Amino acid sequence: MEIVAIDKTTAEKFVLAKHYSRRASIFWCAFGIVENGLITGVAVYGQPSAAIQKHAFRERDFRLYELSRVVVQSKTKNAASFLVGNSLQLLEPKPCAVVSYADMEHNHCGIIYQATNWLYTGTTKSHDKAYVVDGKRIHPMTLRDRGITSPTAWAKENGIEMVKPAEKHRYFFMVGDKRQKKIMRSKLTYDVINDYPKCNASRYDDGAEVKIYAPMSLI
């Protein structure tokens, strides 16, 4: 099992097939697990929201990433934490910080982040409402991806139920040497909560196994 940088096309193909959102998200870089020539897991890093970029750190002079997708179908024990822990160390430039979220709507509390020693800073809401379409809660960004530019107006016109979004657990990770990590943490505007949230480990139904071969240059 090896962690390598992968191209956008390979990452998007895996994420679209396996992530519960079926959305690839906009990203700067991606890393994959390679096992026997196959991609068996992907971690995607992109640009955080404007609010997080502006307010998460005081006088930030380092890059801030968002770990926006972690998708693993590997059967190897601890593959997800191995992917996250090793991909963090491959990020450039250093020092840098990373934010990520665990969605309570899907009964996630961030077990992968806890296993890889992220800083927990409580909960947040990423949008003001969700939409119930055919019995499923839909994120407003998913509707915009479908060409619905004003989800609230569309929902009212079509009798679509609007509900409060579930909160998300928010985590940060600092990448750098010991001194750099200390400086970045001192600039973090959120209080660090020492007790991690608890939940039962579970996997959502991510469909049938897909076979995506790693580019020959990575094998």
N, C-alpha and C. Protein backbone atom coordinates (compact mmCIF):
# COMPACT_ATOMS: atom_id res chain seq x y z
N MET A 1 0.85 -1.19 0.00
CA MET A 1 0.00 0.00 0.00
C MET A 1 0.89 1.24 0.00
N GLU A 2 0.71 2.08 -1.03
CA GLU A 2 1.53 3.27 -1.20
C GLU A 2 0.64 4.48 -1.43
N ILE A 3 1.02 5.64 -0.88
CA ILE A 3 0.28 6.87 -1.08
C ILE A 3 1.04 7.74 -2.08
N VAL A 4 0.36 8.13 -3.17
CA VAL A 4 1.00 8.89 -4.24
C VAL A 4 0.09 10.03 -4.68
N ALA A 5 0.69 11.08 -5.26
CA ALA A 5 -0.09 12.15 -5.87
C ALA A 5 -0.74 11.61 -7.14
N ILE A 6 -2.02 11.96 -7.36
CA ILE A 6 -2.71 11.51 -8.55
C ILE A 6 -3.30 12.71 -9.30
N ASP A 7 -3.62 12.52 -10.57
CA ASP A 7 -4.11 13.62 -11.38
C ASP A 7 -5.61 13.84 -11.14
N LYS A 8 -6.10 14.99 -11.61
CA LYS A 8 -7.48 15.40 -11.40
C LYS A 8 -8.48 14.40 -12.01
N THR A 9 -8.20 13.93 -13.20
CA THR A 9 -9.12 13.01 -13.88
C THR A 9 -9.30 11.73 -13.09
N THR A 10 -8.20 11.16 -12.61
CA THR A 10 -8.26 9.92 -11.83
C THR A 10 -9.00 10.13 -10.52
N ALA A 11 -8.70 11.23 -9.83
CA ALA A 11 -9.35 11.52 -8.56
C ALA A 11 -10.85 11.72 -8.73
N GLU A 12 -11.23 12.49 -9.72
CA GLU A 12 -12.66 12.77 -9.94
C GLU A 12 -13.43 11.50 -10.29
N LYS A 13 -12.84 10.65 -11.09
CA LYS A 13 -13.50 9.40 -11.48
C LYS A 13 -13.79 8.54 -10.25
N PHE A 14 -12.84 8.46 -9.34
CA PHE A 14 -13.02 7.64 -8.13
C PHE A 14 -14.05 8.27 -7.21
N VAL A 15 -13.93 9.58 -6.97
CA VAL A 15 -14.84 10.27 -6.05
C VAL A 15 -16.28 10.23 -6.56
N LEU A 16 -16.49 10.48 -7.84
CA LEU A 16 -17.84 10.47 -8.39
C LEU A 16 -18.49 9.10 -8.27
N ALA A 17 -17.68 8.05 -8.33
CA ALA A 17 -18.21 6.69 -8.24
C ALA A 17 -18.49 6.26 -6.81
N LYS A 18 -17.73 6.80 -5.82
CA LYS A 18 -17.76 6.21 -4.49
C LYS A 18 -18.22 7.14 -3.36
N HIS A 19 -18.12 8.46 -3.51
CA HIS A 19 -18.48 9.35 -2.41
C HIS A 19 -19.99 9.51 -2.33
N TYR A 20 -20.53 9.58 -1.10
CA TYR A 20 -21.99 9.64 -0.94
C TYR A 20 -22.62 10.86 -1.59
N SER A 21 -21.86 11.96 -1.74
CA SER A 21 -22.40 13.17 -2.34
C SER A 21 -22.48 13.07 -3.86
N ARG A 22 -21.70 12.14 -4.44
CA ARG A 22 -21.55 12.02 -5.90
C ARG A 22 -21.11 13.34 -6.53
N ARG A 23 -20.37 14.14 -5.76
CA ARG A 23 -19.82 15.41 -6.23
C ARG A 23 -18.32 15.39 -5.99
N ALA A 24 -17.55 15.84 -6.98
CA ALA A 24 -16.10 15.77 -6.87
C ALA A 24 -15.51 16.92 -6.06
N SER A 25 -16.14 18.08 -6.08
CA SER A 25 -15.67 19.30 -5.44
C SER A 25 -14.48 19.89 -6.22
N ILE A 26 -14.24 21.17 -5.99
CA ILE A 26 -13.11 21.84 -6.63
C ILE A 26 -11.87 21.61 -5.76
N PHE A 27 -10.77 21.20 -6.37
CA PHE A 27 -9.61 20.90 -5.53
C PHE A 27 -8.30 21.30 -6.18
N TRP A 28 -7.29 21.46 -5.33
CA TRP A 28 -5.94 21.82 -5.77
C TRP A 28 -5.06 20.60 -6.01
N CYS A 29 -5.22 19.58 -5.18
CA CYS A 29 -4.38 18.39 -5.33
C CYS A 29 -5.09 17.18 -4.74
N ALA A 30 -4.65 16.01 -5.15
CA ALA A 30 -5.27 14.77 -4.68
C ALA A 30 -4.21 13.69 -4.53
N PHE A 31 -4.47 12.76 -3.62
CA PHE A 31 -3.56 11.65 -3.36
C PHE A 31 -4.37 10.36 -3.31
N GLY A 32 -3.73 9.28 -3.74
CA GLY A 32 -4.44 8.01 -3.77
C GLY A 32 -3.66 6.89 -3.12
N ILE A 33 -4.39 5.88 -2.66
CA ILE A 33 -3.78 4.62 -2.23
C ILE A 33 -3.62 3.76 -3.48
N VAL A 34 -2.44 3.25 -3.68
CA VAL A 34 -2.20 2.31 -4.78
C VAL A 34 -1.90 0.94 -4.19
N GLU A 35 -2.71 -0.04 -4.57
CA GLU A 35 -2.51 -1.43 -4.14
C GLU A 35 -2.62 -2.33 -5.36
N ASN A 36 -1.56 -3.05 -5.65
CA ASN A 36 -1.54 -3.97 -6.79
C ASN A 36 -1.97 -3.28 -8.08
N GLY A 37 -1.51 -2.04 -8.26
CA GLY A 37 -1.80 -1.32 -9.49
C GLY A 37 -3.14 -0.63 -9.55
N LEU A 38 -3.96 -0.79 -8.51
CA LEU A 38 -5.29 -0.18 -8.47
C LEU A 38 -5.35 0.97 -7.48
N ILE A 39 -6.16 1.99 -7.80
CA ILE A 39 -6.48 3.04 -6.84
C ILE A 39 -7.57 2.51 -5.92
N THR A 40 -7.29 2.44 -4.62
CA THR A 40 -8.28 1.91 -3.68
C THR A 40 -8.71 2.94 -2.64
N GLY A 41 -8.27 4.17 -2.80
CA GLY A 41 -8.69 5.24 -1.90
C GLY A 41 -8.17 6.57 -2.40
N VAL A 42 -8.92 7.63 -2.13
CA VAL A 42 -8.53 8.97 -2.61
C VAL A 42 -8.79 10.01 -1.53
N ALA A 43 -7.84 10.93 -1.36
CA ALA A 43 -8.01 12.11 -0.50
C ALA A 43 -7.83 13.34 -1.37
N VAL A 44 -8.78 14.27 -1.28
CA VAL A 44 -8.80 15.45 -2.14
C VAL A 44 -8.67 16.71 -1.28
N TYR A 45 -7.75 17.59 -1.65
CA TYR A 45 -7.51 18.83 -0.92
C TYR A 45 -7.83 20.02 -1.84
N GLY A 46 -8.64 20.96 -1.32
CA GLY A 46 -9.02 22.11 -2.12
C GLY A 46 -9.04 23.39 -1.31
N GLN A 47 -9.79 24.36 -1.82
CA GLN A 47 -9.85 25.68 -1.21
C GLN A 47 -10.97 25.76 -0.19
N PRO A 48 -10.70 26.19 1.03
CA PRO A 48 -11.75 26.33 2.05
C PRO A 48 -12.69 27.48 1.69
N SER A 49 -13.78 27.58 2.42
CA SER A 49 -14.71 28.68 2.22
C SER A 49 -14.02 30.01 2.49
N ALA A 50 -14.58 31.06 1.92
CA ALA A 50 -14.01 32.40 2.13
C ALA A 50 -14.01 32.78 3.61
N ALA A 51 -15.07 32.39 4.33
CA ALA A 51 -15.15 32.73 5.75
C ALA A 51 -14.04 32.07 6.56
N ILE A 52 -13.77 30.81 6.27
CA ILE A 52 -12.70 30.09 6.98
C ILE A 52 -11.34 30.70 6.63
N GLN A 53 -11.13 31.02 5.37
CA GLN A 53 -9.86 31.62 4.97
C GLN A 53 -9.62 32.95 5.69
N LYS A 54 -10.69 33.69 5.89
CA LYS A 54 -10.56 35.02 6.48
C LYS A 54 -10.46 35.00 8.00
N HIS A 55 -11.21 34.09 8.63
CA HIS A 55 -11.38 34.20 10.09
C HIS A 55 -10.73 33.08 10.91
N ALA A 56 -10.29 31.98 10.29
CA ALA A 56 -9.81 30.84 11.08
C ALA A 56 -8.48 31.13 11.78
N PHE A 57 -7.64 31.99 11.17
CA PHE A 57 -6.33 32.28 11.74
C PHE A 57 -6.10 33.79 11.77
N ARG A 58 -5.38 34.23 12.78
CA ARG A 58 -4.95 35.63 12.85
C ARG A 58 -3.66 35.81 12.05
N GLU A 59 -3.62 36.84 11.22
CA GLU A 59 -2.41 37.18 10.47
C GLU A 59 -1.81 35.94 9.79
N ARG A 60 -2.65 35.21 9.08
CA ARG A 60 -2.19 33.98 8.42
C ARG A 60 -1.23 34.31 7.28
N ASP A 61 -0.05 33.68 7.30
CA ASP A 61 0.93 33.85 6.24
C ASP A 61 1.35 32.49 5.68
N PHE A 62 0.44 31.54 5.72
CA PHE A 62 0.70 30.19 5.21
C PHE A 62 -0.57 29.72 4.48
N ARG A 63 -0.41 28.73 3.63
CA ARG A 63 -1.56 28.22 2.86
C ARG A 63 -2.51 27.45 3.76
N LEU A 64 -3.80 27.59 3.50
CA LEU A 64 -4.83 26.84 4.21
C LEU A 64 -5.59 25.99 3.20
N TYR A 65 -5.57 24.69 3.40
CA TYR A 65 -6.29 23.74 2.56
C TYR A 65 -7.58 23.30 3.26
N GLU A 66 -8.50 22.74 2.47
CA GLU A 66 -9.60 21.95 3.04
C GLU A 66 -9.49 20.53 2.51
N LEU A 67 -9.48 19.57 3.42
CA LEU A 67 -9.57 18.17 3.02
C LEU A 67 -11.05 17.91 2.78
N SER A 68 -11.45 17.94 1.52
CA SER A 68 -12.88 17.95 1.19
C SER A 68 -13.46 16.58 0.87
N ARG A 69 -12.62 15.62 0.52
CA ARG A 69 -13.12 14.27 0.22
C ARG A 69 -12.11 13.24 0.70
N VAL A 70 -12.61 12.22 1.40
CA VAL A 70 -11.82 11.03 1.73
C VAL A 70 -12.70 9.84 1.38
N VAL A 71 -12.27 9.08 0.38
CA VAL A 71 -13.07 7.96 -0.10
C VAL A 71 -12.17 6.73 -0.19
N VAL A 72 -12.54 5.67 0.52
CA VAL A 72 -11.68 4.48 0.58
C VAL A 72 -12.52 3.23 0.36
N GLN A 73 -12.07 2.38 -0.56
CA GLN A 73 -12.71 1.07 -0.71
C GLN A 73 -11.73 -0.06 -0.41
N SER A 74 -10.52 0.29 -0.02
CA SER A 74 -9.52 -0.71 0.35
C SER A 74 -10.01 -1.55 1.51
N LYS A 75 -9.69 -2.82 1.49
CA LYS A 75 -10.03 -3.73 2.58
C LYS A 75 -8.90 -3.83 3.60
N THR A 76 -7.79 -3.14 3.36
CA THR A 76 -6.65 -3.17 4.27
C THR A 76 -7.00 -2.42 5.55
N LYS A 77 -6.66 -2.98 6.69
CA LYS A 77 -6.97 -2.37 7.98
C LYS A 77 -6.33 -0.99 8.09
N ASN A 78 -7.09 -0.04 8.61
CA ASN A 78 -6.64 1.33 8.85
C ASN A 78 -6.20 2.05 7.57
N ALA A 79 -6.75 1.65 6.43
CA ALA A 79 -6.35 2.27 5.16
C ALA A 79 -6.71 3.75 5.13
N ALA A 80 -7.87 4.12 5.67
CA ALA A 80 -8.30 5.52 5.62
C ALA A 80 -7.37 6.42 6.41
N SER A 81 -7.02 6.03 7.63
CA SER A 81 -6.13 6.85 8.43
C SER A 81 -4.72 6.86 7.85
N PHE A 82 -4.30 5.76 7.22
CA PHE A 82 -3.00 5.70 6.55
C PHE A 82 -2.98 6.69 5.39
N LEU A 83 -4.07 6.76 4.64
CA LEU A 83 -4.18 7.69 3.51
C LEU A 83 -4.11 9.14 3.99
N VAL A 84 -4.92 9.46 5.00
CA VAL A 84 -4.97 10.84 5.48
C VAL A 84 -3.63 11.25 6.09
N GLY A 85 -3.11 10.41 6.99
CA GLY A 85 -1.88 10.75 7.68
C GLY A 85 -0.70 10.95 6.74
N ASN A 86 -0.59 10.12 5.72
CA ASN A 86 0.54 10.23 4.80
C ASN A 86 0.34 11.31 3.74
N SER A 87 -0.89 11.51 3.30
CA SER A 87 -1.13 12.56 2.30
C SER A 87 -0.88 13.94 2.89
N LEU A 88 -1.18 14.13 4.17
CA LEU A 88 -0.91 15.42 4.82
C LEU A 88 0.57 15.79 4.70
N GLN A 89 1.42 14.82 4.86
CA GLN A 89 2.86 15.09 4.84
C GLN A 89 3.37 15.37 3.42
N LEU A 90 2.56 15.06 2.40
CA LEU A 90 2.96 15.32 1.02
C LEU A 90 2.51 16.69 0.52
N LEU A 91 1.72 17.41 1.33
CA LEU A 91 1.24 18.72 0.92
C LEU A 91 2.39 19.72 0.81
N GLU A 92 2.28 20.59 -0.17
CA GLU A 92 3.24 21.67 -0.38
C GLU A 92 2.48 22.95 -0.68
N PRO A 93 3.01 24.12 -0.37
CA PRO A 93 4.26 24.33 0.36
C PRO A 93 4.06 24.17 1.86
N LYS A 94 5.12 23.88 2.56
CA LYS A 94 5.09 23.83 4.01
C LYS A 94 5.73 25.10 4.57
N PRO A 95 5.25 25.61 5.71
CA PRO A 95 4.15 25.07 6.51
C PRO A 95 2.80 25.38 5.88
N CYS A 96 1.80 24.58 6.25
CA CYS A 96 0.43 24.83 5.81
C CYS A 96 -0.51 24.23 6.85
N ALA A 97 -1.76 24.64 6.77
CA ALA A 97 -2.77 24.12 7.68
C ALA A 97 -3.91 23.53 6.85
N VAL A 98 -4.67 22.64 7.47
CA VAL A 98 -5.78 21.98 6.78
C VAL A 98 -7.00 21.99 7.69
N VAL A 99 -8.16 22.28 7.11
CA VAL A 99 -9.43 22.17 7.82
C VAL A 99 -10.25 21.06 7.18
N SER A 100 -11.03 20.36 7.98
CA SER A 100 -11.94 19.37 7.42
C SER A 100 -13.14 19.21 8.34
N TYR A 101 -14.17 18.56 7.82
CA TYR A 101 -15.44 18.47 8.54
C TYR A 101 -15.95 17.04 8.53
N ALA A 102 -16.69 16.69 9.59
CA ALA A 102 -17.36 15.40 9.67
C ALA A 102 -18.85 15.68 9.77
N ASP A 103 -19.61 15.16 8.83
CA ASP A 103 -21.03 15.49 8.69
C ASP A 103 -21.90 14.66 9.63
N MET A 104 -22.53 15.32 10.60
CA MET A 104 -23.37 14.62 11.56
C MET A 104 -24.62 14.04 10.91
N GLU A 105 -25.04 14.60 9.78
CA GLU A 105 -26.21 14.08 9.08
C GLU A 105 -25.99 12.64 8.65
N HIS A 106 -24.73 12.27 8.41
CA HIS A 106 -24.39 10.91 8.01
C HIS A 106 -23.78 10.13 9.17
N ASN A 107 -24.01 10.62 10.38
CA ASN A 107 -23.52 9.97 11.61
C ASN A 107 -21.99 9.88 11.64
N HIS A 108 -21.33 10.90 11.09
CA HIS A 108 -19.88 10.96 11.13
C HIS A 108 -19.44 11.89 12.27
N CYS A 109 -18.41 11.51 12.98
CA CYS A 109 -17.88 12.38 14.04
C CYS A 109 -16.39 12.64 13.86
N GLY A 110 -15.80 12.13 12.77
CA GLY A 110 -14.39 12.41 12.51
C GLY A 110 -13.43 11.38 13.07
N ILE A 111 -13.81 10.13 13.05
CA ILE A 111 -12.95 9.08 13.61
C ILE A 111 -11.58 9.05 12.91
N ILE A 112 -11.56 9.28 11.60
CA ILE A 112 -10.28 9.30 10.87
C ILE A 112 -9.40 10.44 11.37
N TYR A 113 -10.01 11.61 11.60
CA TYR A 113 -9.23 12.77 12.07
C TYR A 113 -8.74 12.55 13.50
N GLN A 114 -9.56 11.91 14.29
CA GLN A 114 -9.14 11.61 15.67
C GLN A 114 -7.97 10.64 15.67
N ALA A 115 -8.00 9.67 14.76
CA ALA A 115 -6.93 8.67 14.70
C ALA A 115 -5.62 9.27 14.22
N THR A 116 -5.70 10.40 13.52
CA THR A 116 -4.49 11.04 12.99
C THR A 116 -4.17 12.36 13.70
N ASN A 117 -4.77 12.53 14.89
CA ASN A 117 -4.39 13.61 15.83
C ASN A 117 -4.67 15.03 15.33
N TRP A 118 -5.85 15.24 14.74
CA TRP A 118 -6.27 16.58 14.36
C TRP A 118 -6.76 17.34 15.60
N LEU A 119 -6.83 18.67 15.49
CA LEU A 119 -7.37 19.51 16.55
C LEU A 119 -8.87 19.68 16.34
N TYR A 120 -9.65 19.39 17.37
CA TYR A 120 -11.10 19.49 17.27
C TYR A 120 -11.55 20.85 17.78
N THR A 121 -12.38 21.56 17.01
CA THR A 121 -12.79 22.93 17.40
C THR A 121 -14.31 23.11 17.44
N GLY A 122 -15.05 22.01 17.63
CA GLY A 122 -16.50 22.15 17.80
C GLY A 122 -17.26 21.96 16.50
N THR A 123 -18.50 22.46 16.48
CA THR A 123 -19.38 22.23 15.34
C THR A 123 -19.70 23.53 14.60
N THR A 124 -20.14 23.37 13.38
CA THR A 124 -20.51 24.52 12.55
C THR A 124 -21.57 24.09 11.56
N LYS A 125 -22.22 25.06 10.91
CA LYS A 125 -23.16 24.79 9.83
C LYS A 125 -22.63 25.45 8.57
N SER A 126 -22.61 24.71 7.47
CA SER A 126 -22.01 25.23 6.24
C SER A 126 -23.00 25.94 5.34
N HIS A 127 -24.30 25.83 5.61
CA HIS A 127 -25.31 26.50 4.80
C HIS A 127 -26.56 26.68 5.64
N ASP A 128 -27.51 27.48 5.15
CA ASP A 128 -28.65 27.86 5.98
C ASP A 128 -29.82 26.91 5.92
N LYS A 129 -29.87 26.04 4.91
CA LYS A 129 -30.97 25.08 4.82
C LYS A 129 -30.60 23.95 3.87
N ALA A 130 -31.33 22.84 4.01
CA ALA A 130 -31.22 21.72 3.09
C ALA A 130 -32.59 21.51 2.46
N TYR A 131 -32.64 20.69 1.42
CA TYR A 131 -33.87 20.51 0.66
C TYR A 131 -34.20 19.02 0.58
N VAL A 132 -35.46 18.67 0.81
CA VAL A 132 -35.87 17.27 0.78
C VAL A 132 -36.47 16.98 -0.59
N VAL A 133 -35.74 16.20 -1.39
CA VAL A 133 -36.16 15.87 -2.74
C VAL A 133 -36.27 14.35 -2.85
N ASP A 134 -37.47 13.87 -3.17
CA ASP A 134 -37.72 12.43 -3.27
C ASP A 134 -37.30 11.70 -2.00
N GLY A 135 -37.56 12.34 -0.85
CA GLY A 135 -37.27 11.72 0.43
C GLY A 135 -35.84 11.82 0.89
N LYS A 136 -34.98 12.51 0.12
CA LYS A 136 -33.58 12.63 0.48
C LYS A 136 -33.22 14.09 0.71
N ARG A 137 -32.38 14.33 1.74
CA ARG A 137 -31.89 15.68 2.01
C ARG A 137 -30.81 16.03 0.99
N ILE A 138 -30.97 17.18 0.35
CA ILE A 138 -30.05 17.59 -0.70
C ILE A 138 -29.39 18.90 -0.31
N HIS A 139 -28.07 18.96 -0.46
CA HIS A 139 -27.30 20.18 -0.19
C HIS A 139 -27.60 21.20 -1.29
N PRO A 140 -27.67 22.51 -0.96
CA PRO A 140 -27.94 23.51 -1.99
C PRO A 140 -26.91 23.53 -3.12
N MET A 141 -25.65 23.18 -2.83
CA MET A 141 -24.64 23.14 -3.88
C MET A 141 -24.95 22.04 -4.90
N THR A 142 -25.55 20.94 -4.44
CA THR A 142 -25.93 19.88 -5.36
C THR A 142 -27.00 20.36 -6.32
N LEU A 143 -27.96 21.16 -5.80
CA LEU A 143 -28.99 21.73 -6.67
C LEU A 143 -28.38 22.70 -7.67
N ARG A 144 -27.41 23.48 -7.22
CA ARG A 144 -26.77 24.42 -8.15
C ARG A 144 -25.99 23.68 -9.23
N ASP A 145 -25.43 22.53 -8.87
CA ASP A 145 -24.75 21.71 -9.87
C ASP A 145 -25.73 21.23 -10.94
N ARG A 146 -27.00 21.12 -10.55
CA ARG A 146 -28.04 20.67 -11.48
C ARG A 146 -28.65 21.83 -12.26
N GLY A 147 -28.10 23.01 -12.09
CA GLY A 147 -28.58 24.16 -12.84
C GLY A 147 -29.62 25.00 -12.15
N ILE A 148 -29.91 24.71 -10.88
CA ILE A 148 -30.90 25.48 -10.11
C ILE A 148 -30.15 26.60 -9.40
N THR A 149 -30.17 27.79 -9.97
CA THR A 149 -29.34 28.88 -9.46
C THR A 149 -29.90 29.54 -8.21
N SER A 150 -31.19 29.42 -7.96
CA SER A 150 -31.82 29.99 -6.76
C SER A 150 -32.63 28.90 -6.07
N PRO A 151 -31.96 28.04 -5.27
CA PRO A 151 -32.64 26.89 -4.67
C PRO A 151 -33.86 27.25 -3.82
N THR A 152 -33.78 28.34 -3.05
CA THR A 152 -34.91 28.71 -2.19
C THR A 152 -36.14 29.05 -3.02
N ALA A 153 -35.97 29.88 -4.04
CA ALA A 153 -37.10 30.23 -4.90
C ALA A 153 -37.63 29.00 -5.62
N TRP A 154 -36.74 28.14 -6.10
CA TRP A 154 -37.16 26.91 -6.77
C TRP A 154 -37.96 26.01 -5.84
N ALA A 155 -37.50 25.89 -4.59
CA ALA A 155 -38.20 25.05 -3.61
C ALA A 155 -39.60 25.57 -3.34
N LYS A 156 -39.75 26.88 -3.17
CA LYS A 156 -41.06 27.47 -2.91
C LYS A 156 -42.01 27.26 -4.10
N GLU A 157 -41.50 27.41 -5.31
CA GLU A 157 -42.32 27.26 -6.51
C GLU A 157 -42.78 25.82 -6.71
N ASN A 158 -41.98 24.86 -6.24
CA ASN A 158 -42.27 23.45 -6.50
C ASN A 158 -42.72 22.68 -5.27
N GLY A 159 -42.97 23.39 -4.17
CA GLY A 159 -43.45 22.73 -2.97
C GLY A 159 -42.44 21.80 -2.33
N ILE A 160 -41.16 22.13 -2.47
CA ILE A 160 -40.09 21.31 -1.90
C ILE A 160 -39.87 21.71 -0.45
N GLU A 161 -39.81 20.72 0.42
CA GLU A 161 -39.60 20.99 1.85
C GLU A 161 -38.17 21.48 2.09
N MET A 162 -38.05 22.54 2.91
CA MET A 162 -36.74 23.06 3.31
C MET A 162 -36.56 22.80 4.81
N VAL A 163 -35.40 22.28 5.19
CA VAL A 163 -35.15 21.90 6.58
C VAL A 163 -33.81 22.46 7.03
N LYS A 164 -33.64 22.57 8.34
CA LYS A 164 -32.37 23.04 8.88
C LYS A 164 -31.27 22.01 8.60
N PRO A 165 -30.09 22.46 8.23
CA PRO A 165 -29.00 21.52 7.97
C PRO A 165 -28.45 20.93 9.27
N ALA A 166 -27.89 19.75 9.16
CA ALA A 166 -27.22 19.16 10.32
C ALA A 166 -25.89 19.87 10.55
N GLU A 167 -25.44 19.89 11.79
CA GLU A 167 -24.14 20.49 12.08
C GLU A 167 -23.02 19.56 11.62
N LYS A 168 -21.84 20.15 11.47
CA LYS A 168 -20.65 19.38 11.12
C LYS A 168 -19.57 19.61 12.16
N HIS A 169 -18.86 18.55 12.51
CA HIS A 169 -17.70 18.68 13.40
C HIS A 169 -16.54 19.26 12.59
N ARG A 170 -15.82 20.22 13.17
CA ARG A 170 -14.74 20.92 12.46
C ARG A 170 -13.39 20.58 13.08
N TYR A 171 -12.44 20.20 12.23
CA TYR A 171 -11.09 19.81 12.66
C TYR A 171 -10.03 20.60 11.89
N PHE A 172 -8.88 20.80 12.55
CA PHE A 172 -7.73 21.44 11.90
C PHE A 172 -6.49 20.57 12.10
N PHE A 173 -5.58 20.63 11.11
CA PHE A 173 -4.30 19.95 11.22
C PHE A 173 -3.21 20.90 10.71
N MET A 174 -2.10 20.97 11.45
CA MET A 174 -0.97 21.81 11.07
C MET A 174 0.15 20.94 10.50
N VAL A 175 0.65 21.32 9.33
CA VAL A 175 1.72 20.57 8.67
C VAL A 175 2.99 21.41 8.67
N GLY A 176 4.05 20.88 9.26
CA GLY A 176 5.32 21.59 9.34
C GLY A 176 6.18 21.00 10.44
N ASP A 177 7.27 21.66 10.75
CA ASP A 177 8.09 21.17 11.86
C ASP A 177 7.46 21.61 13.19
N LYS A 178 8.08 21.20 14.29
CA LYS A 178 7.50 21.46 15.60
C LYS A 178 7.27 22.94 15.86
N ARG A 179 8.25 23.75 15.50
CA ARG A 179 8.13 25.20 15.71
C ARG A 179 7.02 25.80 14.85
N GLN A 180 6.96 25.40 13.59
CA GLN A 180 5.95 25.92 12.68
C GLN A 180 4.54 25.55 13.14
N LYS A 181 4.38 24.33 13.62
CA LYS A 181 3.07 23.90 14.11
C LYS A 181 2.64 24.74 15.32
N LYS A 182 3.59 25.01 16.20
CA LYS A 182 3.28 25.80 17.39
C LYS A 182 2.84 27.21 17.01
N ILE A 183 3.51 27.82 16.05
CA ILE A 183 3.16 29.17 15.61
C ILE A 183 1.77 29.18 14.97
N MET A 184 1.50 28.21 14.10
CA MET A 184 0.20 28.16 13.44
C MET A 184 -0.92 27.95 14.45
N ARG A 185 -0.70 27.06 15.41
CA ARG A 185 -1.73 26.82 16.42
C ARG A 185 -1.98 28.09 17.24
N SER A 186 -0.94 28.87 17.52
CA SER A 186 -1.13 30.09 18.31
C SER A 186 -1.97 31.12 17.56
N LYS A 187 -2.02 31.01 16.23
CA LYS A 187 -2.80 31.94 15.42
C LYS A 187 -4.24 31.46 15.17
N LEU A 188 -4.54 30.25 15.57
CA LEU A 188 -5.89 29.70 15.37
C LEU A 188 -6.89 30.46 16.23
N THR A 189 -7.97 30.92 15.63
CA THR A 189 -8.94 31.73 16.37
C THR A 189 -9.97 30.91 17.12
N TYR A 190 -10.10 29.63 16.79
CA TYR A 190 -11.06 28.77 17.46
C TYR A 190 -10.43 28.11 18.69
N ASP A 191 -11.22 27.93 19.73
CA ASP A 191 -10.76 27.18 20.90
C ASP A 191 -10.63 25.71 20.54
N VAL A 192 -9.54 25.08 20.99
CA VAL A 192 -9.36 23.65 20.77
C VAL A 192 -10.03 22.90 21.91
N ILE A 193 -10.87 21.94 21.55
CA ILE A 193 -11.60 21.13 22.53
C ILE A 193 -10.86 19.81 22.69
N ASN A 194 -10.45 19.50 23.89
CA ASN A 194 -9.62 18.32 24.12
C ASN A 194 -10.37 17.00 23.96
N ASP A 195 -11.66 16.99 24.29
CA ASP A 195 -12.44 15.76 24.20
C ASP A 195 -13.06 15.64 22.81
N TYR A 196 -12.68 14.58 22.11
CA TYR A 196 -13.25 14.34 20.79
C TYR A 196 -14.71 13.89 20.91
N PRO A 197 -15.56 14.21 19.94
CA PRO A 197 -16.92 13.68 19.93
C PRO A 197 -16.90 12.18 19.67
N LYS A 198 -17.91 11.49 20.15
CA LYS A 198 -17.96 10.03 20.01
C LYS A 198 -19.13 9.61 19.13
N CYS A 199 -18.92 8.56 18.37
CA CYS A 199 -19.99 7.94 17.59
C CYS A 199 -19.55 6.53 17.24
N ASN A 200 -20.49 5.73 16.78
CA ASN A 200 -20.16 4.37 16.38
C ASN A 200 -19.57 4.38 14.97
N ALA A 201 -18.48 3.68 14.80
CA ALA A 201 -17.87 3.59 13.47
C ALA A 201 -18.84 2.91 12.52
N SER A 202 -19.02 3.50 11.35
CA SER A 202 -19.94 2.94 10.37
C SER A 202 -19.50 3.34 8.97
N ARG A 203 -19.96 2.61 7.98
CA ARG A 203 -19.69 2.92 6.57
C ARG A 203 -21.02 3.10 5.86
N TYR A 204 -21.12 4.12 5.03
CA TYR A 204 -22.32 4.28 4.23
C TYR A 204 -22.23 3.34 3.02
N ASP A 205 -23.37 3.10 2.38
CA ASP A 205 -23.39 2.24 1.20
C ASP A 205 -22.84 3.02 0.02
N ASP A 206 -21.61 2.70 -0.37
CA ASP A 206 -20.98 3.44 -1.46
C ASP A 206 -21.04 2.69 -2.78
N GLY A 207 -21.94 1.71 -2.85
CA GLY A 207 -22.15 1.02 -4.12
C GLY A 207 -21.13 -0.07 -4.39
N ALA A 208 -21.16 -0.54 -5.62
CA ALA A 208 -20.29 -1.63 -6.02
C ALA A 208 -18.83 -1.18 -6.11
N GLU A 209 -17.93 -2.13 -5.94
CA GLU A 209 -16.51 -1.83 -6.04
C GLU A 209 -16.16 -1.40 -7.46
N VAL A 210 -15.33 -0.38 -7.56
CA VAL A 210 -14.90 0.08 -8.88
C VAL A 210 -13.43 -0.25 -9.07
N LYS A 211 -13.05 -0.50 -10.32
CA LYS A 211 -11.65 -0.78 -10.64
C LYS A 211 -11.10 0.38 -11.45
N ILE A 212 -10.27 1.17 -10.79
CA ILE A 212 -9.62 2.28 -11.46
C ILE A 212 -8.12 2.06 -11.35
N TYR A 213 -7.47 1.87 -12.48
CA TYR A 213 -6.05 1.55 -12.48
C TYR A 213 -5.21 2.82 -12.32
N ALA A 214 -4.17 2.71 -11.54
CA ALA A 214 -3.24 3.82 -11.38
C ALA A 214 -2.49 4.04 -12.67
N PRO A 215 -2.23 5.30 -13.02
CA PRO A 215 -1.40 5.56 -14.21
C PRO A 215 -0.07 4.82 -14.11
N MET A 216 0.43 4.33 -15.23
CA MET A 216 1.65 3.52 -15.22
C MET A 216 2.82 4.25 -14.60
N SER A 217 2.84 5.57 -14.68
CA SER A 217 3.96 6.34 -14.13
C SER A 217 4.00 6.27 -12.61
N LEU A 218 2.88 5.83 -11.99
CA LEU A 218 2.83 5.77 -10.53
C LEU A 218 3.12 4.36 -10.01
N ILE A 219 3.12 3.39 -10.87
CA ILE A 219 3.27 2.00 -10.43
C ILE A 219 4.74 1.61 -10.39
